[in-house]
C-alpha atoms as a PDB file:
ATOM      1  CA  MET A   1     -22.108 -19.812 -13.026  1.00  0.00           C
ATOM      2  CA  PHE A   2     -21.143 -21.632 -16.212  1.00  0.00           C
ATOM      3  CA  LEU A   3     -23.895 -22.310 -18.982  1.00  0.00           C
ATOM      4  CA  ASP A   4     -24.496 -25.182 -21.184  1.00  0.00           C
ATOM      5  CA  ARG A   5     -25.042 -24.622 -25.101  1.00  0.00           C
ATOM      6  CA  ARG A   6     -28.805 -24.457 -24.800  1.00  0.00           C
ATOM      7  CA  GLU A   7     -28.881 -21.862 -21.989  1.00  0.00           C
ATOM      8  CA  PHE A   8     -26.253 -19.639 -23.459  1.00  0.00           C
ATOM      9  CA  LEU A   9     -28.497 -19.561 -26.837  1.00  0.00           C
ATOM     10  CA  LEU A  10     -31.607 -18.609 -24.623  1.00  0.00           C
ATOM     11  CA  ARG A  11     -30.153 -15.964 -22.551  1.00  0.00           C
ATOM     12  CA  GLY A  12     -28.404 -14.784 -25.989  1.00  0.00           C
ATOM     13  CA  PHE A  13     -31.305 -14.286 -27.790  1.00  0.00           C
ATOM     14  CA  GLY A  14     -33.215 -12.726 -24.494  1.00  0.00           C
ATOM     15  CA  PHE A  15     -30.390  -9.944 -24.783  1.00  0.00           C
ATOM     16  CA  LEU A  16     -30.634  -9.559 -28.315  1.00  0.00           C
ATOM     17  CA  ASN A  17     -34.073  -8.720 -27.747  1.00  0.00           C
ATOM     18  CA  ARG A  18     -33.227  -6.097 -24.878  1.00  0.00           C
ATOM     19  CA  SER A  19     -30.619  -4.330 -26.409  1.00  0.00           C
ATOM     20  CA  ARG A  20     -32.127  -3.131 -29.689  1.00  0.00           C
ATOM     21  CA  GLY A  21     -30.687   0.296 -28.746  1.00  0.00           C
ATOM     22  CA  MET A  22     -27.057  -0.959 -29.129  1.00  0.00           C
ATOM     23  CA  THR A  23     -25.451  -1.649 -32.641  1.00  0.00           C
ATOM     24  CA  THR A  24     -25.286  -5.204 -33.953  1.00  0.00           C
ATOM     25  CA  GLN A  25     -21.416  -4.987 -33.826  1.00  0.00           C
ATOM     26  CA  ASP A  26     -21.462  -4.048 -30.520  1.00  0.00           C
ATOM     27  CA  GLN A  27     -24.316  -7.230 -29.388  1.00  0.00           C
ATOM     28  CA  LEU A  28     -21.845  -9.616 -30.951  1.00  0.00           C
ATOM     29  CA  PHE A  29     -18.863  -8.044 -29.205  1.00  0.00           C
ATOM     30  CA  THR A  30     -21.088  -8.553 -25.769  1.00  0.00           C
ATOM     31  CA  LEU A  31     -22.200 -11.918 -26.715  1.00  0.00           C
ATOM     32  CA  ARG A  32     -18.384 -12.902 -27.546  1.00  0.00           C
ATOM     33  CA  TRP A  33     -17.221 -11.557 -24.258  1.00  0.00           C
ATOM     34  CA  TRP A  34     -19.997 -13.311 -22.243  1.00  0.00           C
ATOM     35  CA  ALA A  35     -19.447 -16.906 -24.484  1.00  0.00           C
ATOM     36  CA  SER A  36     -15.758 -16.484 -23.799  1.00  0.00           C
ATOM     37  CA  LYS A  37     -16.324 -16.393 -19.723  1.00  0.00           C
ATOM     38  CA  LYS A  38     -19.439 -17.865 -19.298  1.00  0.00           C
ATOM     39  CA  VAL A  39     -19.520 -21.220 -21.451  1.00  0.00           C
ATOM     40  CA  ALA A  40     -17.434 -23.904 -19.438  1.00  0.00           C
ATOM     41  CA  GLU A  41     -17.123 -26.589 -21.991  1.00  0.00           C
ATOM     42  CA  PRO A  42     -14.373 -26.226 -24.426  1.00  0.00           C
ATOM     43  CA  GLU A  43     -15.419 -27.555 -27.430  1.00  0.00           C
ATOM     44  CA  THR A  44     -18.596 -25.296 -27.132  1.00  0.00           C
ATOM     45  CA  ARG A  45     -17.104 -22.250 -26.322  1.00  0.00           C
ATOM     46  CA  GLU A  46     -14.658 -22.425 -29.224  1.00  0.00           C
ATOM     47  CA  ALA A  47     -17.635 -23.397 -31.536  1.00  0.00           C
ATOM     48  CA  MET A  48     -19.867 -20.144 -30.208  1.00  0.00           C
ATOM     49  CA  LEU A  49     -16.424 -18.042 -30.094  1.00  0.00           C
ATOM     50  CA  ALA A  50     -15.849 -19.342 -33.974  1.00  0.00           C
ATOM     51  CA  ILE A  51     -19.536 -18.358 -35.108  1.00  0.00           C
ATOM     52  CA  LEU A  52     -19.436 -15.048 -33.506  1.00  0.00           C
ATOM     53  CA  ASP A  53     -15.970 -14.277 -35.146  1.00  0.00           C
ATOM     54  CA  SER A  54     -17.102 -15.227 -38.636  1.00  0.00           C
ATOM     55  CA  LEU A  55     -20.537 -12.718 -37.789  1.00  0.00           C
ATOM     56  CA  LEU A  56     -17.917 -10.166 -36.847  1.00  0.00           C
ATOM     57  CA  GLY A  57     -15.286 -10.648 -39.400  1.00  0.00           C
ATOM     58  CA  GLU A  58     -12.403  -8.590 -39.468  1.00  0.00           C
ATOM     59  CA  GLN A  59     -13.473  -6.793 -36.475  1.00  0.00           C
ATOM     60  CA  ALA A  60     -13.381 -10.128 -34.272  1.00  0.00           C
ATOM     61  CA  PRO A  61     -11.724  -9.706 -31.021  1.00  0.00           C
ATOM     62  CA  PRO A  62      -8.291 -11.211 -31.521  1.00  0.00           C
ATOM     63  CA  LYS A  63      -6.847 -13.314 -28.902  1.00  0.00           C
ATOM     64  CA  PRO A  64      -5.181 -11.713 -25.973  1.00  0.00           C
ATOM     65  CA  LEU A  65      -1.620 -11.061 -25.716  1.00  0.00           C
ATOM     66  CA  VAL A  66       0.306 -14.154 -23.342  1.00  0.00           C
ATOM     67  CA  PRO A  67       1.615 -12.458 -20.747  1.00  0.00           C
ATOM     68  CA  LEU A  68       4.818 -12.391 -19.193  1.00  0.00           C
ATOM     69  CA  TYR A  69       2.966 -12.833 -15.403  1.00  0.00           C
ATOM     70  CA  PRO A  70      -0.363 -13.813 -15.615  1.00  0.00           C
ATOM     71  CA  GLY A  71      -0.895 -13.056 -12.094  1.00  0.00           C
ATOM     72  CA  PRO A  72      -3.249 -13.318  -9.999  1.00  0.00           C
ATOM     73  CA  GLU A  73      -0.433 -11.401  -7.919  1.00  0.00           C
ATOM     74  CA  PHE A  74       1.239  -8.079  -9.798  1.00  0.00           C
ATOM     75  CA  PRO A  75      -0.081  -9.467 -13.409  1.00  0.00           C
ATOM     76  CA  VAL A  76       2.128  -8.307 -15.905  1.00  0.00           C
ATOM     77  CA  VAL A  77       1.769  -8.259 -19.816  1.00  0.00           C
ATOM     78  CA  GLY A  78       5.211  -6.982 -20.896  1.00  0.00           C
ATOM     79  CA  ARG A  79       4.614  -7.444 -24.453  1.00  0.00           C
ATOM     80  CA  PRO A  80       5.653  -4.683 -27.425  1.00  0.00           C
ATOM     81  CA  ILE A  81       2.592  -3.092 -29.155  1.00  0.00           C
ATOM     82  CA  LEU A  82       2.783  -0.377 -32.116  1.00  0.00           C
ATOM     83  CA  ALA A  83       0.191   2.016 -32.580  1.00  0.00           C
ATOM     84  CA  ASP A  84      -2.172   0.128 -34.872  1.00  0.00           C
ATOM     85  CA  GLY A  85      -2.244  -2.757 -32.447  1.00  0.00           C
ATOM     86  CA  ILE A  86      -3.751  -0.684 -29.895  1.00  0.00           C
ATOM     87  CA  ASP A  87      -7.105  -1.134 -31.030  1.00  0.00           C
ATOM     88  CA  ALA A  88      -7.118  -4.914 -31.007  1.00  0.00           C
ATOM     89  CA  TYR A  89      -5.457  -4.929 -27.591  1.00  0.00           C
ATOM     90  CA  VAL A  90      -8.402  -2.634 -26.476  1.00  0.00           C
ATOM     91  CA  ARG A  91     -10.637  -4.769 -27.881  1.00  0.00           C
ATOM     92  CA  SER A  92      -9.398  -8.121 -26.451  1.00  0.00           C
ATOM     93  CA  ALA A  93      -9.354  -6.554 -22.681  1.00  0.00           C
ATOM     94  CA  ASP A  94     -12.473  -4.340 -22.875  1.00  0.00           C
ATOM     95  CA  PRO A  95     -11.303  -1.429 -20.355  1.00  0.00           C
ATOM     96  CA  ARG A  96     -14.646  -0.150 -19.922  1.00  0.00           C
ATOM     97  CA  TRP A  97     -13.730   1.450 -16.520  1.00  0.00           C
ATOM     98  CA  ALA A  98     -11.619   3.851 -18.175  1.00  0.00           C
ATOM     99  CA  ARG A  99     -12.425   7.595 -18.512  1.00  0.00           C
ATOM    100  CA  GLY A 100      -9.156   9.088 -19.233  1.00  0.00           C
ATOM    101  CA  ILE A 101      -5.591   8.637 -19.784  1.00  0.00           C
ATOM    102  CA  THR A 102      -2.627  10.233 -17.499  1.00  0.00           C
ATOM    103  CA  ILE A 103       0.811  11.158 -18.999  1.00  0.00           C
ATOM    104  CA  HIS A 104       3.820  10.580 -17.168  1.00  0.00           C
ATOM    105  CA  HIS A 105       7.421  10.531 -17.786  1.00  0.00           C
ATOM    106  CA  THR A 106       9.785   8.061 -16.599  1.00  0.00           C
ATOM    107  CA  ALA A 107      12.519  10.406 -15.130  1.00  0.00           C
ATOM    108  CA  ALA A 108      14.659   7.356 -14.009  1.00  0.00           C
ATOM    109  CA  PRO A 109      15.657   5.647 -16.468  1.00  0.00           C
ATOM    110  CA  SER A 110      16.384   8.690 -18.730  1.00  0.00           C
ATOM    111  CA  LEU A 111      17.097   8.499 -22.605  1.00  0.00           C
ATOM    112  CA  ALA A 112      20.739   8.275 -21.955  1.00  0.00           C
ATOM    113  CA  GLN A 113      20.440   5.600 -19.481  1.00  0.00           C
ATOM    114  CA  ARG A 114      18.201   3.737 -22.167  1.00  0.00           C
ATOM    115  CA  PRO A 115      19.931   3.983 -25.732  1.00  0.00           C
ATOM    116  CA  ASN A 116      18.314   1.228 -26.725  1.00  0.00           C
ATOM    117  CA  GLY A 117      14.641   1.704 -25.310  1.00  0.00           C
ATOM    118  CA  PHE A 118      13.156  -0.397 -23.451  1.00  0.00           C
ATOM    119  CA  LEU A 119      13.622  -4.058 -23.637  1.00  0.00           C
ATOM    120  CA  GLU A 120      11.486  -7.205 -22.248  1.00  0.00           C
ATOM    121  CA  THR A 121      14.116  -7.701 -19.515  1.00  0.00           C
ATOM    122  CA  HIS A 122      13.341  -4.138 -18.066  1.00  0.00           C
ATOM    123  CA  MET A 123       9.363  -5.189 -17.857  1.00  0.00           C
ATOM    124  CA  HIS A 124      10.796  -8.118 -15.418  1.00  0.00           C
ATOM    125  CA  ASN A 125      12.710  -5.359 -13.899  1.00  0.00           C
ATOM    126  CA  LEU A 126       9.763  -2.801 -13.503  1.00  0.00           C
ATOM    127  CA  ARG A 127       7.791  -5.537 -12.232  1.00  0.00           C
ATOM    128  CA  SER A 128      10.271  -6.107  -9.370  1.00  0.00           C
ATOM    129  CA  TYR A 129      10.536  -2.234  -8.574  1.00  0.00           C
ATOM    130  CA  TYR A 130       6.820  -1.516  -7.978  1.00  0.00           C
ATOM    131  CA  ARG A 131       6.470  -4.689  -6.110  1.00  0.00           C
ATOM    132  CA  GLY A 132       9.398  -3.614  -3.711  1.00  0.00           C
ATOM    133  CA  LEU A 133       7.184  -0.387  -3.400  1.00  0.00           C
ATOM    134  CA  GLY A 134       4.180  -2.846  -2.070  1.00  0.00           C
ATOM    135  CA  TRP A 135       2.154  -1.697  -5.362  1.00  0.00           C
ATOM    136  CA  SER A 136      -0.309  -4.202  -6.614  1.00  0.00           C
ATOM    137  CA  ALA A 137       0.188  -2.974  -9.989  1.00  0.00           C
ATOM    138  CA  GLY A 138       1.428  -0.006 -12.135  1.00  0.00           C
ATOM    139  CA  PRO A 139       0.985   2.174 -14.846  1.00  0.00           C
ATOM    140  CA  HIS A 140      -0.285   0.568 -18.245  1.00  0.00           C
ATOM    141  CA  PHE A 141       2.326   1.034 -20.942  1.00  0.00           C
ATOM    142  CA  PHE A 142       5.701   2.325 -21.100  1.00  0.00           C
ATOM    143  CA  VAL A 143       6.365   4.163 -24.251  1.00  0.00           C
ATOM    144  CA  ASP A 144      10.243   4.190 -25.951  1.00  0.00           C
ATOM    145  CA  GLU A 145      10.818   6.064 -29.451  1.00  0.00           C
ATOM    146  CA  ASP A 146       9.490   2.523 -31.305  1.00  0.00           C
ATOM    147  CA  GLN A 147       6.728   1.170 -29.623  1.00  0.00           C
ATOM    148  CA  ALA A 148       4.661   0.777 -26.607  1.00  0.00           C
ATOM    149  CA  TRP A 149       5.250  -1.748 -23.846  1.00  0.00           C
ATOM    150  CA  ALA A 150       2.031  -3.330 -21.993  1.00  0.00           C
ATOM    151  CA  PHE A 151       2.615  -3.488 -18.604  1.00  0.00           C
ATOM    152  CA  SER A 152      -0.415  -3.683 -15.835  1.00  0.00           C
ATOM    153  CA  PRO A 153      -3.191  -5.169 -17.873  1.00  0.00           C
ATOM    154  CA  ILE A 154      -5.841  -2.630 -18.999  1.00  0.00           C
ATOM    155  CA  ALA A 155      -8.898  -4.427 -18.140  1.00  0.00           C
ATOM    156  CA  LYS A 156      -8.167  -3.168 -14.576  1.00  0.00           C
ATOM    157  CA  PRO A 157      -7.352   0.389 -13.116  1.00  0.00           C
ATOM    158  CA  GLY A 158      -3.406   0.481 -12.416  1.00  0.00           C
ATOM    159  CA  ILE A 159      -1.316   2.336 -10.129  1.00  0.00           C
ATOM    160  CA  HIS A 160       0.289   5.698 -11.028  1.00  0.00           C
ATOM    161  CA  ALA A 161      -1.522   8.981  -9.774  1.00  0.00           C
ATOM    162  CA  LYS A 162      -3.444   9.219  -6.912  1.00  0.00           C
ATOM    163  CA  SER A 163      -6.387  11.163  -7.904  1.00  0.00           C
ATOM    164  CA  PHE A 164      -6.472   9.639 -11.802  1.00  0.00           C
ATOM    165  CA  ASN A 165      -5.844   5.648 -10.591  1.00  0.00           C
ATOM    166  CA  ARG A 166      -9.692   4.436 -10.887  1.00  0.00           C
ATOM    167  CA  THR A 167     -10.600   6.606 -14.035  1.00  0.00           C
ATOM    168  CA  HIS A 168      -7.562   7.034 -15.969  1.00  0.00           C
ATOM    169  CA  LEU A 169      -5.039   4.412 -17.693  1.00  0.00           C
ATOM    170  CA  GLY A 170      -1.326   5.329 -17.259  1.00  0.00           C
ATOM    171  CA  ILE A 171       1.463   5.876 -19.668  1.00  0.00           C
ATOM    172  CA  GLU A 172       5.067   6.287 -18.760  1.00  0.00           C
ATOM    173  CA  MET A 173       7.090   8.061 -21.602  1.00  0.00           C
ATOM    174  CA  LEU A 174      10.695   7.020 -21.605  1.00  0.00           C
ATOM    175  CA  GLY A 175      12.863  10.416 -20.731  1.00  0.00           C
ATOM    176  CA  ASP A 176      13.604  12.853 -18.271  1.00  0.00           C
ATOM    177  CA  TYR A 177      11.518  15.782 -19.489  1.00  0.00           C
ATOM    178  CA  ASP A 178      12.641  17.851 -16.665  1.00  0.00           C
ATOM    179  CA  ARG A 179      16.244  17.825 -18.151  1.00  0.00           C
ATOM    180  CA  GLU A 180      16.111  16.155 -21.424  1.00  0.00           C
ATOM    181  CA  ASP A 181      14.786  17.485 -24.629  1.00  0.00           C
ATOM    182  CA  PRO A 182      11.247  16.781 -25.561  1.00  0.00           C
ATOM    183  CA  TRP A 183      11.120  18.472 -29.100  1.00  0.00           C
ATOM    184  CA  SER A 184      14.278  17.133 -30.759  1.00  0.00           C
ATOM    185  CA  GLY A 185      15.911  13.650 -31.315  1.00  0.00           C
ATOM    186  CA  ARG A 186      14.687  10.750 -29.407  1.00  0.00           C
ATOM    187  CA  GLY A 187      13.034  13.112 -26.752  1.00  0.00           C
ATOM    188  CA  LEU A 188      10.726  13.858 -29.839  1.00  0.00           C
ATOM    189  CA  GLN A 189      10.360  10.326 -31.171  1.00  0.00           C
ATOM    190  CA  VAL A 190       9.310   9.209 -28.083  1.00  0.00           C
ATOM    191  CA  LEU A 191       6.704  11.841 -27.463  1.00  0.00           C
ATOM    192  CA  THR A 192       5.582  11.325 -31.223  1.00  0.00           C
ATOM    193  CA  MET A 193       5.297   7.509 -30.570  1.00  0.00           C
ATOM    194  CA  THR A 194       3.499   8.368 -27.433  1.00  0.00           C
ATOM    195  CA  ALA A 195       1.052  10.956 -29.231  1.00  0.00           C
ATOM    196  CA  SER A 196      -0.111   8.403 -31.670  1.00  0.00           C
ATOM    197  CA  ILE A 197      -0.718   5.551 -29.319  1.00  0.00           C
ATOM    198  CA  VAL A 198      -2.894   8.054 -26.948  1.00  0.00           C
ATOM    199  CA  ALA A 199      -4.467   9.062 -30.451  1.00  0.00           C
ATOM    200  CA  GLU A 200      -5.322   5.037 -31.058  1.00  0.00           C
ATOM    201  CA  LEU A 201      -6.576   4.991 -27.433  1.00  0.00           C
ATOM    202  CA  LEU A 202      -9.139   7.722 -27.392  1.00  0.00           C
ATOM    203  CA  ARG A 203     -10.390   6.343 -30.738  1.00  0.00           C
ATOM    204  CA  SER A 204     -10.724   2.305 -29.328  1.00  0.00           C
ATOM    205  CA  LEU A 205     -12.300   3.813 -25.970  1.00  0.00           C
ATOM    206  CA  ASN A 206     -14.628   6.432 -27.662  1.00  0.00           C
ATOM    207  CA  LEU A 207     -13.186   9.254 -25.172  1.00  0.00           C
ATOM    208  CA  ASP A 208     -12.544  12.893 -25.780  1.00  0.00           C
ATOM    209  CA  LEU A 209      -9.095  14.645 -26.140  1.00  0.00           C
ATOM    210  CA  SER A 210     -10.127  16.679 -23.005  1.00  0.00           C
ATOM    211  CA  THR A 211      -9.909  13.563 -21.081  1.00  0.00           C
ATOM    212  CA  VAL A 212      -6.046  13.413 -21.517  1.00  0.00           C
ATOM    213  CA  ASN A 213      -4.276  14.802 -18.359  1.00  0.00           C
ATOM    214  CA  PHE A 214      -0.524  14.810 -17.127  1.00  0.00           C
ATOM    215  CA  HIS A 215       0.428  13.442 -13.784  1.00  0.00           C
ATOM    216  CA  ARG A 216       1.170  17.205 -12.718  1.00  0.00           C
ATOM    217  CA  ASP A 217      -2.833  17.958 -12.815  1.00  0.00           C
ATOM    218  CA  ASP A 218      -3.144  15.511  -9.977  1.00  0.00           C
ATOM    219  CA  PRO A 219      -4.139  18.165  -6.949  1.00  0.00           C
ATOM    220  CA  LYS A 220      -2.575  15.284  -4.416  1.00  0.00           C
ATOM    221  CA  SER A 221       0.852  15.401  -6.331  1.00  0.00           C
ATOM    222  CA  ASP A 222       3.588  17.939  -6.562  1.00  0.00           C
ATOM    223  CA  LYS A 223       5.499  16.442  -9.375  1.00  0.00           C
ATOM    224  CA  THR A 224       6.573  18.236 -12.470  1.00  0.00           C
ATOM    225  CA  CYS A 225       5.746  14.896 -14.518  1.00  0.00           C
ATOM    226  CA  PRO A 226       5.792  14.715 -17.470  1.00  0.00           C
ATOM    227  CA  GLY A 227       8.749  17.308 -17.426  1.00  0.00           C
ATOM    228  CA  ARG A 228       8.769  20.848 -17.208  1.00  0.00           C
ATOM    229  CA  ARG A 229       9.968  21.054 -20.585  1.00  0.00           C
ATOM    230  CA  ILE A 230       6.365  19.711 -22.153  1.00  0.00           C
ATOM    231  CA  ASP A 231       3.739  22.030 -22.905  1.00  0.00           C
ATOM    232  CA  LYS A 232       0.440  20.231 -22.767  1.00  0.00           C
ATOM    233  CA  SER A 233      -0.998  22.273 -25.294  1.00  0.00           C
ATOM    234  CA  LYS A 234       1.820  21.192 -27.575  1.00  0.00           C
ATOM    235  CA  PHE A 235       1.429  17.767 -26.946  1.00  0.00           C
ATOM    236  CA  LEU A 236      -2.069  17.326 -27.180  1.00  0.00           C
ATOM    237  CA  GLN A 237      -1.820  19.010 -31.139  1.00  0.00           C
ATOM    238  CA  LEU A 238       0.480  16.068 -31.426  1.00  0.00           C
ATOM    239  CA  VAL A 239      -2.233  13.825 -30.531  1.00  0.00           C
ATOM    240  CA  GLN A 240      -4.437  15.379 -32.833  1.00  0.00           C
ATOM    241  CA  ALA A 241      -2.121  15.486 -36.039  1.00  0.00           C
END
């Protein structure tokens, strides 16, 4: 159901009266999301968003990344993000379903197979690969030594670990850490970038470090992922650094 300006304002005032336990910022974020989804007339919607953005100031949610594949069939964002862009991405998507983060390694491709890290063409290839498996989504991020690539939209659960799909964001680190060294060279750079992405996600989602797990923690899996050579406690220390 779409709302006209009068109805939106009436319902907005009612929401503010009912949500006094929320911070003003959270109230404004919620109203902004509501306006973006429920106000049908474009000029009215943009005017309301502009007002709410001015009230939010620098905290106003940015416009979402333009996805490579908007969907509805297997949507893929396919855009690179640095650690300092994670909070903006989270705020634009509002992934309230997420209760943790699961870490993976790609295994194939390995570091040796991707000497220049991930490129946009790889996002197309990965989408084709997962669709070929019959999946409707994939992990949420692919991380190399330079950046994270947003893959499946974080607004919804992805597919990456049987026991954790419904509750955890999935992050794939470039490399085969059963064989390649994660504690020096490019391997350490990938781990460090991943740790910085995880730290920003935890902060943006208001999650504790204890919510980070490895794919091999899945009782329904016999995988070593994210690799035998990655010690979980050492990785979590990187996240905390």
